Amino acid sequence: MTIKAVIFDLDGTLVDSAPDLMLATNHVLSRLERRPITMDEVRSFVGHGAKALIARGCAATGDAIDEKSLDFYFAEFLRFYEKNLAVDSVAFPGVIELLKRCAAGGLKMGVCTNKLEGLSVRLLQALGMEKYFGAIVGPDTVNFAKPDPAPYLETVKRLGVPAKDSIMIGDSETDILTARAAGVPVIGVTFGYTQRPVAEFGPDHLVSHFDEVWDILELKRRAP
C-alpha cells in the first residue's frame, strides 16, 4: 500500500485534553452535588463523546441519571466547555514536529474524532494546529460516531484520498475498531485515554512517542 493520508484521533492522541474535560465534567457533577472525578477516571471515561463522559462520571459518583437529565447536563457541559476548552489542554510531545514532517512530505492529514466537530475545530485553532488538517470530522458531521466507519470514510473523502491509501492513529479500542471497520491499518499510541492498554486491541503498530511514527509512515509509503 501507499500512504497518502494520515488520520488522527483527537482527545488522547493529538491533544492531552483531559484536564479541561475533567474541569467541565466536574462542573456538571457539582451541579448534581456529586464528588469530583479524578484525572485517572477522566482518562478512562473519554472516547465515546461528551455525553458518554457525563454518564460515566455520574455512574462513578452515585446513581445513574435518566436520559432527559443527561440531555440537560450535556447542554450544561457544552456551555462550560466551550468557554474553557483550551485552558490546560496541550499537544502531546512530538505532535507538532510530526505534523510539520507530514506536511513537508506531502502527506494529507485529517482528524476523525468523537468530539463534536465545532468543538474540535475550536480546540485545534486555540492550539495553533488547525492549519495542518484538511478535514476535521466529528460524530455530528455525519450523524455517526466511531467505531462506525462512516466518520473515517468521510474524513478521507474530504481529503480526496481513497481509504486504502490512508492510515489511522488512535489511542483506544474505539479507534482500533474504527480502523478495522474502514479496512485501514492503525497505529496505537500508549499514552492516551483507555480503560485497558491499547496493545490489547491489536493495533498494527504501537508507539509510546510521536517520534516513532515517521519511520512507520515511511515504511508504509515505500511498500509495494
Protein backbone atom coordinates (compact mmCIF):
# COMPACT_ATOMS: atom_id res chain seq x y z
CA MET A 1 0.00 0.00 0.00
CA THR A 2 1.00 3.62 -0.45
CA ILE A 3 0.13 6.00 2.37
CA LYS A 4 -1.13 9.35 1.15
CA ALA A 5 -3.09 10.47 4.23
CA VAL A 6 -2.78 10.18 8.00
CA ILE A 7 -5.99 10.35 10.05
CA PHE A 8 -5.69 11.18 13.74
CA ASP A 9 -8.00 10.75 16.68
CA LEU A 10 -8.10 13.94 18.78
CA ASP A 11 -8.53 13.54 22.54
CA GLY A 12 -5.82 11.32 23.97
CA THR A 13 -3.98 11.10 20.66
CA LEU A 14 -3.17 14.55 19.29
CA VAL A 15 -4.12 16.55 22.37
CA ASP A 16 -3.91 15.92 26.09
CA SER A 17 -7.31 17.45 26.76
CA ALA A 18 -8.13 15.51 29.93
CA PRO A 19 -7.56 18.48 32.30
CA ASP A 20 -10.20 20.60 30.60
CA LEU A 21 -12.59 17.68 30.12
CA MET A 22 -12.25 16.97 33.82
CA LEU A 23 -12.96 20.61 34.66
CA ALA A 24 -16.14 20.61 32.59
CA THR A 25 -17.31 17.24 33.89
CA ASN A 26 -16.72 18.28 37.48
CA HIS A 27 -18.68 21.46 36.84
CA VAL A 28 -21.64 19.28 35.91
CA LEU A 29 -21.11 16.94 38.85
CA SER A 30 -21.01 19.90 41.23
CA ARG A 31 -24.45 20.91 39.96
CA LEU A 32 -25.58 17.40 40.87
CA GLU A 33 -23.89 17.69 44.28
CA ARG A 34 -21.58 14.80 43.42
CA ARG A 35 -17.91 14.38 44.24
CA PRO A 36 -15.45 15.42 41.53
CA ILE A 37 -13.94 12.70 39.39
CA THR A 38 -10.18 12.26 39.24
CA MET A 39 -7.79 12.58 36.34
CA ASP A 40 -7.39 8.81 36.18
CA GLU A 41 -11.16 8.43 35.96
CA VAL A 42 -11.43 11.00 33.20
CA ARG A 43 -8.74 9.28 31.16
CA SER A 44 -10.64 6.00 31.36
CA PHE A 45 -14.05 7.58 30.60
CA VAL A 46 -13.09 9.56 27.45
CA GLY A 47 -13.54 8.14 23.97
CA HIS A 48 -17.26 7.96 23.21
CA GLY A 49 -18.14 11.65 23.29
CA ALA A 50 -19.07 14.15 25.98
CA LYS A 51 -22.49 12.70 26.72
CA ALA A 52 -20.96 9.31 27.48
CA LEU A 53 -18.31 11.05 29.60
CA ILE A 54 -21.03 12.68 31.71
CA ALA A 55 -22.95 9.42 32.02
CA ARG A 56 -19.84 7.59 33.17
CA GLY A 57 -18.99 10.38 35.58
CA CYS A 58 -22.47 10.18 37.10
CA ALA A 59 -22.36 6.40 37.37
CA ALA A 60 -19.00 6.61 39.14
CA THR A 61 -20.17 9.16 41.70
CA GLY A 62 -23.68 7.98 42.54
CA ASP A 63 -26.83 6.83 40.82
CA ALA A 64 -27.04 6.97 37.05
CA ILE A 65 -29.23 9.74 35.66
CA ASP A 66 -32.10 9.35 33.21
CA GLU A 67 -31.91 10.36 29.55
CA LYS A 68 -33.79 13.64 29.99
CA SER A 69 -31.45 14.71 32.80
CA LEU A 70 -28.46 13.57 30.77
CA ASP A 71 -29.55 15.80 27.89
CA PHE A 72 -29.87 18.75 30.27
CA TYR A 73 -26.45 18.27 31.83
CA PHE A 74 -24.88 17.58 28.44
CA ALA A 75 -26.02 21.06 27.39
CA GLU A 76 -24.60 22.46 30.64
CA PHE A 77 -21.31 20.68 29.96
CA LEU A 78 -21.12 22.18 26.47
CA ARG A 79 -21.83 25.70 27.73
CA PHE A 80 -18.99 25.43 30.22
CA TYR A 81 -16.56 23.56 27.98
CA GLU A 82 -16.97 25.96 25.06
CA LYS A 83 -15.57 28.72 27.30
CA ASN A 84 -12.80 26.58 28.81
CA LEU A 85 -11.74 24.07 26.17
CA ALA A 86 -8.09 25.11 25.94
CA VAL A 87 -7.18 26.21 29.46
CA ASP A 88 -4.77 23.39 30.20
CA SER A 89 -5.02 21.25 27.05
CA VAL A 90 -1.76 20.81 25.14
CA ALA A 91 -0.47 18.85 22.17
CA PHE A 92 1.27 15.63 23.15
CA PRO A 93 5.09 15.63 22.88
CA GLY A 94 6.28 15.25 19.31
CA VAL A 95 2.91 16.01 17.72
CA ILE A 96 3.79 19.34 16.11
CA GLU A 97 7.08 18.00 14.80
CA LEU A 98 5.28 15.06 13.18
CA LEU A 99 2.62 17.28 11.64
CA LYS A 100 5.28 19.51 10.12
CA ARG A 101 7.13 16.49 8.77
CA CYS A 102 3.99 15.02 7.25
CA ALA A 103 3.15 18.34 5.63
CA ALA A 104 6.67 18.67 4.22
CA GLY A 105 6.47 15.10 2.95
CA GLY A 106 3.26 15.73 1.03
CA LEU A 107 1.01 13.67 3.29
CA LYS A 108 -2.54 14.90 3.78
CA MET A 109 -3.86 14.93 7.33
CA GLY A 110 -7.29 14.75 8.90
CA VAL A 111 -8.93 14.40 12.30
CA CYS A 112 -11.64 11.82 12.98
CA THR A 113 -13.00 12.21 16.50
CA ASN A 114 -15.98 11.59 18.74
CA LYS A 115 -15.75 15.20 19.93
CA LEU A 116 -18.30 17.46 18.22
CA GLU A 117 -16.90 18.99 15.04
CA GLY A 118 -17.24 22.61 16.15
CA LEU A 119 -15.50 21.99 19.46
CA SER A 120 -12.76 20.05 17.68
CA VAL A 121 -12.13 22.91 15.28
CA ARG A 122 -12.06 25.46 18.10
CA LEU A 123 -9.66 23.37 20.19
CA LEU A 124 -7.27 22.88 17.29
CA GLN A 125 -7.49 26.58 16.44
CA ALA A 126 -6.72 27.53 20.03
CA LEU A 127 -3.61 25.32 19.96
CA GLY A 128 -2.48 26.59 16.54
CA MET A 129 -2.93 23.16 14.96
CA GLU A 130 -5.95 23.53 12.68
CA LYS A 131 -3.82 24.62 9.71
CA TYR A 132 -2.33 21.14 9.36
CA PHE A 133 -5.64 19.40 8.71
CA GLY A 134 -7.61 19.29 5.50
CA ALA A 135 -10.60 17.66 7.20
CA ILE A 136 -11.95 17.62 10.77
CA VAL A 137 -14.88 15.26 11.24
CA GLY A 138 -16.92 14.62 14.39
CA PRO A 139 -19.94 12.43 15.10
CA ASP A 140 -22.32 15.30 14.34
CA THR A 141 -20.70 15.79 10.91
CA VAL A 142 -22.19 12.55 9.55
CA ASN A 143 -24.60 11.57 12.36
CA PHE A 144 -22.50 8.54 13.19
CA ALA A 145 -19.81 8.09 15.84
CA LYS A 146 -16.75 5.89 15.88
CA PRO A 147 -16.37 2.91 15.83
CA ASP A 148 -18.78 3.15 12.91
CA PRO A 149 -16.50 3.69 9.88
CA ALA A 150 -18.67 6.49 8.45
CA PRO A 151 -16.76 9.38 10.12
CA TYR A 152 -13.43 7.93 8.99
CA LEU A 153 -14.63 7.42 5.43
CA GLU A 154 -15.97 10.99 5.37
CA THR A 155 -12.59 12.26 6.56
CA VAL A 156 -10.62 10.62 3.75
CA LYS A 157 -13.32 11.62 1.25
CA ARG A 158 -12.86 15.26 2.19
CA LEU A 159 -9.12 14.86 1.76
CA GLY A 160 -9.63 13.36 -1.69
CA VAL A 161 -7.75 10.18 -0.79
CA PRO A 162 -9.01 6.58 -1.11
CA ALA A 163 -9.38 4.90 2.27
CA LYS A 164 -6.95 2.19 1.18
CA ASP A 165 -4.23 4.84 0.91
CA SER A 166 -4.66 6.08 4.47
CA ILE A 167 -3.64 5.09 7.99
CA MET A 168 -5.20 5.90 11.35
CA ILE A 169 -3.53 6.89 14.61
CA GLY A 170 -5.51 6.49 17.83
CA ASP A 171 -5.35 5.64 21.50
CA SER A 172 -8.30 3.39 22.28
CA GLU A 173 -10.34 0.35 21.37
CA THR A 174 -12.76 2.67 19.60
CA ASP A 175 -10.03 3.77 17.21
CA ILE A 176 -8.80 0.24 16.54
CA LEU A 177 -12.35 -0.90 15.78
CA THR A 178 -12.89 2.11 13.52
CA ALA A 179 -9.77 1.32 11.52
CA ARG A 180 -10.75 -2.33 11.21
CA ALA A 181 -14.26 -1.36 10.05
CA ALA A 182 -12.77 1.01 7.47
CA GLY A 183 -10.23 -1.59 6.32
CA VAL A 184 -7.17 0.52 7.08
CA PRO A 185 -4.04 -0.02 9.21
CA VAL A 186 -3.82 1.64 12.58
CA ILE A 187 -1.07 2.89 14.88
CA GLY A 188 -1.91 2.76 18.58
CA VAL A 189 -0.37 5.27 20.98
CA THR A 190 0.26 4.01 24.50
CA PHE A 191 -0.13 7.35 26.32
CA GLY A 192 -3.79 8.06 25.61
CA TYR A 193 -7.14 7.57 27.28
CA THR A 194 -8.29 4.00 27.65
CA GLN A 195 -9.52 1.67 30.38
CA ARG A 196 -7.35 -1.15 29.04
CA PRO A 197 -3.93 -0.89 27.35
CA VAL A 198 -4.36 -0.18 23.67
CA ALA A 199 -1.97 -3.05 22.88
CA GLU A 200 -4.72 -5.46 23.95
CA PHE A 201 -6.83 -4.42 20.96
CA GLY A 202 -4.25 -5.44 18.37
CA PRO A 203 -3.14 -2.30 16.51
CA ASP A 204 -0.85 -2.90 13.55
CA HIS A 205 1.81 -0.76 15.19
CA LEU A 206 2.34 0.50 18.72
CA VAL A 207 4.25 3.66 19.71
CA SER A 208 4.98 5.35 23.01
CA HIS A 209 6.02 8.71 21.49
CA PHE A 210 5.22 10.52 18.26
CA ASP A 211 8.91 10.47 17.39
CA GLU A 212 8.40 6.82 16.45
CA VAL A 213 5.62 7.43 13.94
CA TRP A 214 7.53 8.84 10.96
CA ASP A 215 9.58 5.70 10.39
CA ILE A 216 6.37 3.66 10.27
CA LEU A 217 4.84 6.06 7.75
CA GLU A 218 7.97 5.92 5.60
CA LEU A 219 7.86 2.13 5.53
CA LYS A 220 4.18 2.23 4.51
CA ARG A 221 4.90 4.78 1.79
CA ARG A 222 7.62 2.58 0.30
CA ALA A 223 5.56 -0.60 0.47
CA PRO A 224 4.55 -2.06 -2.92
